[in-house]
């Protein structure tokens, strides 16, 4: 079975929101893995920060998490 990648992005406007975004993304991953107990995170989490500017006065900053998961073979249901 191939591994899958999951991720989530959050828009941030300042450093306070950046810290809250880190906490949210860590909790989001924890919730996702609890919701699907057959999945197991492997490797390191990747936190990605990016900034886009569409006009001089309008810019958007986002923070994301990306992580790799695998499914535990002993939890699969087979016919």
Protein backbone atom coordinates (compact mmCIF):
# COMPACT_ATOMS: atom_id res chain seq x y z
CA UNK A 1 0.00 0.00 0.00
CA UNK A 2 1.34 3.43 -0.93
CA UNK A 3 1.78 6.20 1.57
CA UNK A 4 -0.38 9.31 1.35
CA UNK A 5 0.30 12.98 2.11
CA UNK A 6 -2.09 15.21 4.04
CA UNK A 7 -1.96 18.93 4.64
CA UNK A 8 -3.81 21.98 5.82
CA UNK A 9 -3.26 25.74 5.32
CA UNK A 10 -4.08 28.71 7.55
CA UNK A 11 -4.09 32.40 6.59
CA UNK A 12 -2.07 34.50 9.04
CA UNK A 13 -1.88 38.28 9.40
CA UNK A 14 0.69 38.78 12.20
CA UNK A 15 3.10 36.97 14.53
CA UNK A 16 0.43 36.29 17.17
CA UNK A 17 -1.72 34.55 14.58
CA UNK A 18 1.33 32.64 13.39
CA UNK A 19 1.79 31.08 16.85
CA UNK A 20 -1.93 30.23 17.01
CA UNK A 21 -1.70 28.74 13.52
CA UNK A 22 1.12 26.40 14.62
CA UNK A 23 -1.02 25.21 17.53
CA UNK A 24 -4.08 24.78 15.32
CA UNK A 25 -2.18 22.79 12.69
CA UNK A 26 -0.67 20.45 15.30
CA UNK A 27 -4.12 19.87 16.82
CA UNK A 28 -5.66 19.39 13.35
CA UNK A 29 -3.15 16.61 12.63
CA UNK A 30 -3.80 15.01 16.02
CA UNK A 31 -7.56 15.08 15.42
CA UNK A 32 -7.19 13.62 11.93
CA UNK A 33 -5.09 10.71 13.17
CA UNK A 34 -7.54 10.00 16.02
CA UNK A 35 -10.48 10.12 13.61
CA UNK A 36 -8.85 7.47 11.40
CA UNK A 37 -7.11 5.07 13.81
CA UNK A 38 -5.79 2.91 10.96
CA UNK A 39 -3.52 5.75 9.84
CA UNK A 40 -0.07 6.32 11.28
CA UNK A 41 2.13 9.37 10.71
CA UNK A 42 5.62 8.61 9.43
CA UNK A 43 8.57 10.92 9.04
CA UNK A 44 8.80 14.54 10.12
CA UNK A 45 6.06 17.16 9.87
CA UNK A 46 6.78 19.90 7.36
CA UNK A 47 5.65 23.42 8.22
CA UNK A 48 5.59 25.71 5.20
CA UNK A 49 5.19 29.47 5.28
CA UNK A 50 4.47 31.37 2.10
CA UNK A 51 3.55 34.88 1.09
CA UNK A 52 1.80 35.97 -2.09
CA UNK A 53 1.33 39.47 -3.38
CA UNK A 54 -1.33 40.13 -5.98
CA UNK A 55 -1.16 43.94 -5.76
CA UNK A 56 1.04 46.44 -3.94
CA UNK A 57 -1.42 46.84 -1.08
CA UNK A 58 -2.73 43.27 -0.92
CA UNK A 59 -0.60 40.38 0.33
CA UNK A 60 -1.55 37.11 1.91
CA UNK A 61 0.58 35.00 4.24
CA UNK A 62 -0.21 31.37 4.90
CA UNK A 63 1.22 28.69 7.13
CA UNK A 64 0.73 25.04 6.30
CA UNK A 65 1.50 21.59 7.59
CA UNK A 66 2.26 18.60 5.41
CA UNK A 67 2.85 15.08 6.69
CA UNK A 68 3.04 11.55 5.37
CA UNK A 69 0.81 8.75 6.63
CA UNK A 70 0.60 5.03 6.13
CA UNK A 71 -2.13 2.57 7.00
CA UNK A 72 -1.43 -0.10 9.59
CA UNK A 73 -1.87 -3.47 7.90
CA UNK A 74 -3.31 -5.17 10.99
CA UNK A 75 -6.28 -2.75 10.99
CA UNK A 76 -7.39 -3.38 7.42
CA UNK A 77 -10.73 -5.10 6.82
CA UNK A 78 -10.57 -7.75 4.14
CA UNK A 79 -13.30 -9.89 2.61
